[in-house]
Amino acid sequence: MPPLLAARELGMIDQDEMVAIPKQGLKDFKALYLKVSQWQTGGSSTADKAHVDIQALEETNAIEAYANASHFEEALAWLQQLHEPSSAAQTNGMVYSHVVIQMLVHKQFPQVQAALRQCASEGAGYPYEGAATALDADQLPELQRMSIASQGLAAPAGPEDVHPAAIFFGAVVHTFPAMAGQVESAMFALLASLKADSAAHRERSVVDARGGSMLLSVLDQFDPERAQAARIQYPAAAGANFGGGAVYQTSPAGQVTGMRLGQSLPSRLSQLAANDPEGAIAGATSLADRDSRFAALAGIAQQLAKSRPQMAEQSASQAFGLLDKDVAAAETGYTANLADVFHDLGDVEKANQVAEVALSAADAHAQQAEEQFDLSTPEAVAKVTHDLLLPAVALSYPYDDLAPNFPSLALQHARGCECKVAKPLILAKIAEGMTPAGAKAVY
């Protein structure tokens, strides 16, 4: 087998071992890392690029495996030698982000800032997403988090950094509102970089415009007037749709109060549960924010419902203890997921109770959307959906998710939905999961 294919095959075997026999997986990942890191790469042919891409991929997989297992000394040492792939699809800063987030998950707080400094000193892309997650960690002293915010804002960001940088900018303003002016300066510097990149590389103009749209969506959350002015200055970004990755945050009354981009810490903890359920649950219970703690525990329970039902029940019960009207309003999707978990675990009483709470929260969101946004004409509805303020698909999710297990309850709530833009889609989604007779009854 050619060396490149052999390395890729070994890498996939090592990933499987990390699930079944983690100690052996770590040992084999180290052996693979030591082998591929010594490859001599260079040249510009397709074969040369494939060589460096496989090298970077297997090095990255080894680093992330060691970070997941809390072996941060090796992960940081290997990061200093990490080769970058031939494309800009992944920067070293993104790998640093993964390591930093794992430090937070494993409560290795003293190592976080050292890792961020190491990355910044290498000048190979700043770990914006890791830094953003650190800003949300109440266990880190406020002065340290402020230092992280300042460090990230001072780091030079390029077009390849736009998505994680947008996450970071939003986190800085949320954590330190007084730094909004510095965030705006960094945002406009990045917007200028995107504009220059589009002019120099026409083939990247669409991607750059979407990146600009993403930044303006974040700016909308704390300075809508400046964002509107920026849309005039950067018309390409104003007309672009950055294509998802937005999670809308709401007040208990259902009003849109903010937005986060990309994977949240609860989402990452849910993924961690597949390999380290105890660590994931411990990380979730340590979250200071009640909504985030609930979301993480509910997500973990969903991840474990089929493979580890006892641990799923433990996580689900903790989430249930946190659930109230306000939590359901802020985390309606996770509330719906929790109802499905209790259904799968056979706890009918809790399943029905949580489903009712989730659907009531969804009803409140729909009513708020009807009141908060202009949905009086097809043009107005199209504008709301295009701007991603409250897309119909987001409103329909709880009904859609709960319909298979709670058809009568979901249908009852859907029929009472007061949002013109969402009600037809909600009813259609519910009908999809029903028998022909049941679907006919929907209409």
Protein backbone atom coordinates (compact mmCIF):
# COMPACT_ATOMS: atom_id res chain seq x y z
CA MET A 1 0.00 0.00 0.00
CA PRO A 2 1.37 3.48 -0.85
CA PRO A 3 2.70 5.35 2.22
CA LEU A 4 0.03 8.05 2.03
CA LEU A 5 -2.84 5.56 1.99
CA ALA A 6 -1.16 3.48 4.69
CA ALA A 7 -0.89 6.53 6.97
CA ARG A 8 -4.54 7.43 6.39
CA GLU A 9 -5.62 3.85 7.07
CA LEU A 10 -3.60 3.75 10.29
CA GLY A 11 -5.10 7.06 11.35
CA MET A 12 -8.63 5.73 10.94
CA ILE A 13 -7.72 2.58 12.88
CA ASP A 14 -6.28 4.74 15.68
CA GLN A 15 -9.51 6.75 15.86
CA ASP A 16 -11.52 3.54 16.25
CA GLU A 17 -9.10 2.38 18.95
CA MET A 18 -9.67 5.60 20.89
CA VAL A 19 -13.28 4.50 21.34
CA ALA A 20 -12.70 0.80 22.07
CA ILE A 21 -9.23 0.69 23.67
CA PRO A 22 -8.11 4.27 24.41
CA LYS A 23 -4.69 3.40 25.86
CA GLN A 24 -3.70 1.49 22.75
CA GLY A 25 -5.18 4.22 20.59
CA LEU A 26 -3.00 6.86 22.24
CA LYS A 27 0.08 4.68 21.86
CA ASP A 28 -0.60 4.10 18.18
CA PHE A 29 -1.43 7.76 17.53
CA LYS A 30 1.93 8.71 18.99
CA ALA A 31 3.72 6.22 16.77
CA LEU A 32 1.90 7.54 13.72
CA TYR A 33 2.63 11.15 14.67
CA LEU A 34 6.34 10.45 15.07
CA LYS A 35 6.37 8.80 11.66
CA VAL A 36 4.48 11.36 9.58
CA SER A 37 6.04 14.39 11.28
CA GLN A 38 9.39 13.32 9.82
CA TRP A 39 8.15 13.29 6.25
CA GLN A 40 10.03 15.65 3.97
CA THR A 41 7.41 17.63 2.08
CA GLY A 42 7.60 20.35 -0.50
CA GLY A 43 6.81 21.11 -4.11
CA SER A 44 3.63 22.29 -5.75
CA SER A 45 2.38 19.25 -7.64
CA THR A 46 -0.89 17.55 -6.75
CA ALA A 47 1.04 14.65 -5.22
CA ASP A 48 3.12 17.04 -3.11
CA LYS A 49 0.00 18.78 -1.83
CA ALA A 50 -1.62 15.46 -0.98
CA HIS A 51 1.51 14.51 0.94
CA VAL A 52 1.47 17.63 3.11
CA ASP A 53 -2.30 17.43 3.61
CA ILE A 54 -2.10 13.86 4.94
CA GLN A 55 0.83 14.85 7.12
CA ALA A 56 -1.10 17.78 8.61
CA LEU A 57 -4.25 15.69 9.03
CA GLU A 58 -2.59 12.86 10.94
CA GLU A 59 -0.58 15.26 13.09
CA THR A 60 -3.78 17.12 13.92
CA ASN A 61 -5.67 13.93 14.74
CA ALA A 62 -2.90 12.84 17.10
CA ILE A 63 -2.80 16.23 18.83
CA GLU A 64 -6.56 16.30 19.29
CA ALA A 65 -6.63 12.71 20.57
CA TYR A 66 -4.01 13.55 23.20
CA ALA A 67 -5.86 16.73 24.17
CA ASN A 68 -9.13 14.80 24.50
CA ALA A 69 -7.33 12.45 26.88
CA SER A 70 -5.95 15.38 28.91
CA HIS A 71 -2.34 14.78 27.78
CA PHE A 72 -1.67 18.45 27.19
CA GLU A 73 2.11 18.39 27.50
CA GLU A 74 2.44 16.24 24.38
CA ALA A 75 -0.33 18.11 22.57
CA LEU A 76 1.35 21.49 23.09
CA ALA A 77 4.78 20.16 22.16
CA TRP A 78 3.46 18.65 18.93
CA LEU A 79 1.53 21.81 18.13
CA GLN A 80 4.81 23.70 17.91
CA GLN A 81 5.86 21.37 15.09
CA LEU A 82 2.49 21.12 13.34
CA HIS A 83 2.63 21.39 9.55
CA GLU A 84 -0.07 23.44 7.85
CA PRO A 85 -2.09 21.85 5.03
CA SER A 86 -1.73 23.07 1.47
CA SER A 87 -5.05 24.91 1.64
CA ALA A 88 -6.25 27.41 4.23
CA ALA A 89 -9.14 25.14 5.23
CA GLN A 90 -7.59 24.73 8.68
CA THR A 91 -5.06 26.89 10.45
CA ASN A 92 -2.91 25.92 13.38
CA GLY A 93 -5.01 28.33 15.43
CA MET A 94 -8.04 26.10 14.92
CA VAL A 95 -6.14 23.13 16.33
CA TYR A 96 -5.02 25.25 19.27
CA SER A 97 -8.69 26.09 19.84
CA HIS A 98 -9.52 22.42 20.19
CA VAL A 99 -6.73 21.97 22.74
CA VAL A 100 -7.78 25.05 24.73
CA ILE A 101 -11.39 23.90 24.84
CA GLN A 102 -10.30 20.49 26.10
CA MET A 103 -8.26 22.21 28.81
CA LEU A 104 -11.45 23.94 29.92
CA VAL A 105 -13.45 20.72 29.76
CA HIS A 106 -10.83 18.93 31.87
CA LYS A 107 -10.58 21.93 34.24
CA GLN A 108 -6.91 22.53 33.51
CA PHE A 109 -7.42 26.27 33.85
CA PRO A 110 -3.81 27.29 34.63
CA GLN A 111 -2.69 25.96 31.23
CA VAL A 112 -5.20 27.90 29.16
CA GLN A 113 -3.45 31.25 28.91
CA ALA A 114 -0.07 29.57 28.37
CA ALA A 115 -1.51 27.73 25.37
CA LEU A 116 -3.00 30.94 23.99
CA ARG A 117 0.32 32.74 24.39
CA GLN A 118 2.18 29.89 22.69
CA CYS A 119 -0.14 30.08 19.71
CA ALA A 120 0.07 33.88 19.48
CA SER A 121 3.87 33.76 19.60
CA GLU A 122 3.96 31.39 16.62
CA GLY A 123 1.94 33.74 14.41
CA ALA A 124 0.13 30.83 12.78
CA GLY A 125 -3.46 31.92 13.28
CA TYR A 126 -5.03 32.86 16.60
CA PRO A 127 -7.27 30.30 18.41
CA TYR A 128 -10.33 32.55 18.42
CA GLU A 129 -12.88 29.87 19.22
CA GLY A 130 -10.84 28.52 22.11
CA ALA A 131 -10.37 32.05 23.44
CA ALA A 132 -14.11 32.71 23.10
CA THR A 133 -14.87 29.61 25.14
CA ALA A 134 -12.34 30.71 27.77
CA LEU A 135 -14.12 34.06 28.10
CA ASP A 136 -17.26 32.15 29.10
CA ALA A 137 -15.42 30.16 31.80
CA ASP A 138 -16.25 31.76 35.13
CA GLN A 139 -13.53 29.65 36.77
CA LEU A 140 -10.90 31.86 35.12
CA PRO A 141 -10.18 35.11 36.99
CA GLU A 142 -11.75 38.18 35.41
CA LEU A 143 -8.38 39.86 34.85
CA GLN A 144 -7.13 36.79 33.03
CA ARG A 145 -10.21 36.72 30.80
CA MET A 146 -9.79 40.42 30.10
CA SER A 147 -6.19 39.75 29.12
CA ILE A 148 -7.37 37.00 26.76
CA ALA A 149 -9.88 39.41 25.22
CA SER A 150 -7.21 42.06 24.66
CA GLN A 151 -4.77 39.52 23.25
CA GLY A 152 -7.32 38.21 20.76
CA LEU A 153 -8.39 41.67 19.63
CA ALA A 154 -4.75 42.59 19.01
CA ALA A 155 -4.05 39.45 16.97
CA PRO A 156 -4.00 40.00 13.20
CA ALA A 157 -7.02 38.30 11.64
CA GLY A 158 -7.21 37.34 7.98
CA PRO A 159 -10.01 36.10 5.72
CA GLU A 160 -9.42 32.51 6.82
CA ASP A 161 -10.15 33.52 10.43
CA VAL A 162 -13.50 35.20 9.87
CA HIS A 163 -15.81 32.52 11.30
CA PRO A 164 -13.94 31.88 14.59
CA ALA A 165 -13.12 35.59 14.87
CA ALA A 166 -16.83 36.44 14.66
CA ILE A 167 -17.51 34.00 17.49
CA PHE A 168 -14.74 35.63 19.52
CA PHE A 169 -15.91 39.19 18.86
CA GLY A 170 -19.41 38.31 20.04
CA ALA A 171 -18.02 36.66 23.18
CA VAL A 172 -15.87 39.69 24.04
CA VAL A 173 -18.80 42.10 23.84
CA HIS A 174 -21.01 39.74 25.84
CA THR A 175 -18.40 39.34 28.59
CA PHE A 176 -16.91 42.85 28.58
CA PRO A 177 -19.42 45.33 27.10
CA ALA A 178 -16.99 48.18 27.73
CA MET A 179 -14.67 46.71 25.09
CA ALA A 180 -17.26 47.14 22.32
CA GLY A 181 -15.27 49.96 20.74
CA GLN A 182 -12.16 47.80 20.47
CA VAL A 183 -14.24 44.98 19.02
CA GLU A 184 -15.66 47.30 16.37
CA SER A 185 -12.16 48.41 15.40
CA ALA A 186 -11.04 44.79 15.01
CA MET A 187 -14.19 43.97 13.04
CA PHE A 188 -13.70 46.81 10.58
CA ALA A 189 -10.05 45.87 10.12
CA LEU A 190 -11.17 42.35 9.22
CA LEU A 191 -13.90 43.67 6.91
CA ALA A 192 -11.27 45.73 5.10
CA SER A 193 -9.12 42.60 4.80
CA LEU A 194 -12.05 40.69 3.29
CA LYS A 195 -12.72 43.49 0.82
CA ALA A 196 -9.06 43.55 -0.26
CA ASP A 197 -8.99 39.77 -0.58
CA SER A 198 -12.05 39.85 -2.84
CA ALA A 199 -10.44 42.46 -5.06
CA ALA A 200 -7.23 40.44 -5.35
CA HIS A 201 -8.87 37.02 -5.70
CA ARG A 202 -12.16 37.16 -7.57
CA GLU A 203 -12.73 33.45 -7.03
CA ARG A 204 -13.02 34.10 -3.29
CA SER A 205 -15.45 37.01 -3.52
CA VAL A 206 -18.53 34.98 -2.56
CA VAL A 207 -16.82 33.41 0.45
CA ASP A 208 -15.45 36.78 1.55
CA ALA A 209 -18.88 38.39 1.21
CA ARG A 210 -20.42 35.70 3.40
CA GLY A 211 -17.70 36.28 5.97
CA GLY A 212 -18.49 39.97 5.96
CA SER A 213 -22.18 39.20 6.39
CA MET A 214 -21.34 37.08 9.41
CA LEU A 215 -19.38 39.92 11.01
CA LEU A 216 -22.19 42.38 10.37
CA SER A 217 -24.67 39.97 11.95
CA VAL A 218 -22.60 40.03 15.13
CA LEU A 219 -22.25 43.82 14.99
CA ASP A 220 -26.05 44.04 14.69
CA GLN A 221 -26.36 42.61 18.18
CA PHE A 222 -24.67 45.51 19.96
CA ASP A 223 -24.47 48.42 17.49
CA PRO A 224 -27.19 48.12 14.83
CA GLU A 225 -26.70 51.69 13.61
CA ARG A 226 -23.01 51.11 12.92
CA ALA A 227 -23.86 47.79 11.28
CA GLN A 228 -26.31 49.53 8.97
CA ALA A 229 -23.69 52.11 8.04
CA ALA A 230 -21.21 49.30 7.37
CA ARG A 231 -23.64 47.66 4.96
CA ILE A 232 -23.48 50.80 2.85
CA GLN A 233 -19.69 50.76 3.02
CA TYR A 234 -19.48 47.02 2.25
CA PRO A 235 -22.44 46.31 -0.06
CA ALA A 236 -21.22 42.81 -1.01
CA ALA A 237 -21.40 41.73 2.63
CA ALA A 238 -24.80 43.37 3.04
CA GLY A 239 -26.28 41.26 0.27
CA ALA A 240 -24.71 37.96 1.28
CA ASN A 241 -26.12 35.18 3.41
CA PHE A 242 -23.49 33.51 5.55
CA GLY A 243 -25.38 30.24 5.44
CA GLY A 244 -26.26 29.14 8.91
CA GLY A 245 -24.27 28.35 11.99
CA ALA A 246 -26.32 30.90 13.91
CA VAL A 247 -28.00 30.01 17.18
CA TYR A 248 -30.43 32.66 18.37
CA GLN A 249 -30.57 33.48 22.07
CA THR A 250 -33.84 34.70 23.55
CA SER A 251 -35.13 36.32 26.69
CA PRO A 252 -37.71 34.51 28.86
CA ALA A 253 -40.33 36.56 27.02
CA GLY A 254 -39.15 35.14 23.72
CA GLN A 255 -37.42 38.22 22.32
CA VAL A 256 -34.26 37.74 20.31
CA THR A 257 -31.45 39.10 22.48
CA GLY A 258 -28.34 37.76 20.81
CA MET A 259 -26.73 35.19 18.60
CA ARG A 260 -23.87 32.76 18.91
CA LEU A 261 -22.05 31.24 15.95
CA GLY A 262 -20.63 27.80 15.50
CA GLN A 263 -20.52 25.09 18.14
CA SER A 264 -21.31 26.09 21.70
CA LEU A 265 -19.68 24.49 24.74
CA PRO A 266 -22.86 22.45 25.46
CA SER A 267 -22.65 21.05 21.94
CA ARG A 268 -18.99 20.14 22.37
CA LEU A 269 -19.70 18.45 25.70
CA SER A 270 -22.45 16.43 24.04
CA GLN A 271 -19.94 15.19 21.48
CA LEU A 272 -17.39 14.44 24.19
CA ALA A 273 -19.93 12.17 25.90
CA ALA A 274 -19.54 9.54 23.18
CA ASN A 275 -15.98 8.83 24.35
CA ASP A 276 -15.90 10.20 27.89
CA PRO A 277 -19.41 10.31 29.41
CA GLU A 278 -18.19 10.86 32.97
CA GLY A 279 -15.98 13.76 31.91
CA ALA A 280 -18.75 15.27 29.82
CA ILE A 281 -21.27 15.14 32.67
CA ALA A 282 -18.70 16.59 35.07
CA GLY A 283 -17.96 19.38 32.62
CA ALA A 284 -21.65 20.10 32.14
CA THR A 285 -22.45 20.27 35.85
CA SER A 286 -19.58 22.72 36.36
CA LEU A 287 -21.02 25.29 33.94
CA ALA A 288 -22.03 28.40 35.85
CA ASP A 289 -24.79 29.50 33.48
CA ARG A 290 -28.05 27.64 34.24
CA ASP A 291 -29.24 27.60 30.62
CA SER A 292 -25.91 26.28 29.34
CA ARG A 293 -25.78 23.67 32.11
CA PHE A 294 -29.26 22.46 31.19
CA ALA A 295 -28.44 22.40 27.47
CA ALA A 296 -25.23 20.44 28.02
CA LEU A 297 -26.89 17.85 30.28
CA ALA A 298 -29.83 17.41 27.91
CA GLY A 299 -27.48 17.05 24.94
CA ILE A 300 -25.35 14.49 26.79
CA ALA A 301 -28.46 12.51 27.72
CA GLN A 302 -29.50 12.44 24.08
CA GLN A 303 -26.02 11.29 23.03
CA LEU A 304 -26.06 8.43 25.56
CA ALA A 305 -29.72 7.37 25.41
CA LYS A 306 -29.10 4.30 23.27
CA SER A 307 -25.53 3.35 24.16
CA ARG A 308 -25.45 4.13 27.91
CA PRO A 309 -29.06 4.40 29.13
CA GLN A 310 -28.17 4.51 32.83
CA MET A 311 -25.80 7.42 32.37
CA ALA A 312 -28.31 9.04 30.03
CA GLU A 313 -30.92 8.83 32.78
CA GLN A 314 -28.48 10.41 35.24
CA SER A 315 -27.79 13.32 32.91
CA ALA A 316 -31.46 13.67 31.93
CA SER A 317 -32.56 13.75 35.57
CA GLN A 318 -30.08 16.52 36.35
CA ALA A 319 -31.34 18.48 33.36
CA PHE A 320 -34.94 17.92 34.46
CA GLY A 321 -34.10 19.43 37.84
CA LEU A 322 -32.97 22.63 36.11
CA LEU A 323 -35.94 22.94 33.77
CA ASP A 324 -38.38 25.77 34.25
CA LYS A 325 -40.23 28.20 32.00
CA ASP A 326 -37.26 30.53 31.61
CA VAL A 327 -34.80 27.74 30.77
CA ALA A 328 -37.26 26.29 28.25
CA ALA A 329 -37.63 29.71 26.62
CA ALA A 330 -33.86 30.06 26.25
CA GLU A 331 -33.16 26.43 25.25
CA THR A 332 -36.35 25.26 23.55
CA GLY A 333 -34.57 22.87 21.20
CA TYR A 334 -32.72 21.11 24.00
CA THR A 335 -35.98 20.93 25.98
CA ALA A 336 -37.60 19.11 23.08
CA ASN A 337 -34.61 16.78 22.90
CA LEU A 338 -34.96 16.03 26.61
CA ALA A 339 -38.59 15.01 26.12
CA ASP A 340 -37.48 12.55 23.44
CA VAL A 341 -34.81 11.17 25.77
CA PHE A 342 -37.33 10.45 28.53
CA HIS A 343 -39.61 8.84 25.94
CA ASP A 344 -36.77 6.58 24.78
CA LEU A 345 -35.91 5.72 28.38
CA GLY A 346 -39.52 4.73 29.06
CA ASP A 347 -40.34 7.49 31.56
CA VAL A 348 -43.71 8.45 30.07
CA GLU A 349 -44.70 10.89 32.81
CA LYS A 350 -41.57 13.02 32.54
CA ALA A 351 -41.58 12.73 28.75
CA ASN A 352 -45.08 14.20 28.50
CA GLN A 353 -44.32 16.85 31.08
CA VAL A 354 -41.17 18.04 29.31
CA ALA A 355 -42.84 17.89 25.88
CA GLU A 356 -45.61 20.18 27.14
CA VAL A 357 -43.04 22.65 28.50
CA ALA A 358 -41.09 22.59 25.21
CA LEU A 359 -44.15 23.13 23.05
CA SER A 360 -45.44 25.92 25.29
CA ALA A 361 -42.08 27.65 24.90
CA ALA A 362 -42.28 27.16 21.13
CA ASP A 363 -45.78 28.68 21.16
CA ALA A 364 -44.43 31.71 23.01
CA HIS A 365 -41.61 32.14 20.47
CA ALA A 366 -44.09 31.97 17.61
CA GLN A 367 -46.39 34.52 19.23
CA GLN A 368 -43.44 36.81 19.91
CA ALA A 369 -42.32 36.53 16.29
CA GLU A 370 -45.76 37.55 15.11
CA GLU A 371 -45.66 40.61 17.37
CA GLN A 372 -41.99 41.54 17.02
CA PHE A 373 -41.54 41.38 13.27
CA ASP A 374 -43.43 42.73 10.31
CA LEU A 375 -44.98 39.66 8.72
CA SER A 376 -47.91 41.45 7.15
CA THR A 377 -46.93 40.88 3.52
CA PRO A 378 -45.10 38.18 1.55
CA GLU A 379 -42.29 40.66 0.95
CA ALA A 380 -41.94 41.34 4.67
CA VAL A 381 -41.93 37.62 5.46
CA ALA A 382 -39.23 37.06 2.83
CA LYS A 383 -37.11 39.81 4.34
CA VAL A 384 -37.38 38.37 7.86
CA THR A 385 -36.40 34.92 6.64
CA HIS A 386 -33.56 36.26 4.48
CA ASP A 387 -32.12 38.26 7.36
CA LEU A 388 -32.10 35.14 9.57
CA LEU A 389 -33.83 36.94 12.40
CA LEU A 390 -36.35 34.18 13.09
CA PRO A 391 -36.41 31.73 10.19
CA ALA A 392 -39.49 29.56 9.95
CA VAL A 393 -37.43 26.41 10.15
CA ALA A 394 -36.12 27.41 13.58
CA LEU A 395 -39.62 28.02 14.87
CA SER A 396 -40.84 24.70 13.47
CA TYR A 397 -38.10 22.60 15.05
CA PRO A 398 -39.69 21.74 18.44
CA TYR A 399 -42.99 20.73 16.83
CA ASP A 400 -41.19 18.76 14.12
CA ASP A 401 -38.90 17.05 16.63
CA LEU A 402 -41.67 16.06 19.03
CA ALA A 403 -44.29 14.99 16.48
CA PRO A 404 -43.13 11.35 16.10
CA ASN A 405 -43.28 10.63 19.84
CA PHE A 406 -46.01 13.08 20.86
CA PRO A 407 -48.22 13.47 17.75
CA SER A 408 -51.45 14.57 19.43
CA LEU A 409 -49.73 17.07 21.69
CA ALA A 410 -47.60 18.50 18.87
CA LEU A 411 -50.65 18.83 16.60
CA GLN A 412 -52.67 20.53 19.33
CA HIS A 413 -49.98 23.16 19.83
CA ALA A 414 -49.27 23.56 16.10
CA ARG A 415 -52.90 24.31 15.34
CA GLY A 416 -52.74 27.12 17.86
CA CYS A 417 -49.56 28.63 16.37
CA GLU A 418 -49.99 32.36 15.77
CA CYS A 419 -47.03 32.93 13.46
CA LYS A 420 -48.02 33.23 9.79
CA VAL A 421 -44.54 32.50 8.48
CA ALA A 422 -44.11 29.32 10.50
CA LYS A 423 -47.54 27.70 10.85
CA PRO A 424 -47.77 26.12 7.36
CA LEU A 425 -44.29 24.64 7.69
CA ILE A 426 -44.99 23.40 11.22
CA LEU A 427 -48.15 21.59 10.11
CA ALA A 428 -46.38 20.13 7.08
CA LYS A 429 -43.51 18.85 9.21
CA ILE A 430 -45.90 17.21 11.66
CA ALA A 431 -47.83 15.59 8.81
CA GLU A 432 -44.63 14.07 7.40
CA GLY A 433 -44.20 11.92 10.48
CA MET A 434 -47.77 10.63 10.60
CA THR A 435 -49.75 7.86 8.93
CA PRO A 436 -51.74 8.87 5.82
CA ALA A 437 -54.92 9.10 7.89
CA GLY A 438 -53.20 11.16 10.55
CA ALA A 439 -51.63 13.45 7.97
CA LYS A 440 -55.02 14.02 6.36
CA ALA A 441 -56.39 15.04 9.74
CA VAL A 442 -53.71 17.72 10.05
CA TYR A 443 -55.15 19.55 7.08
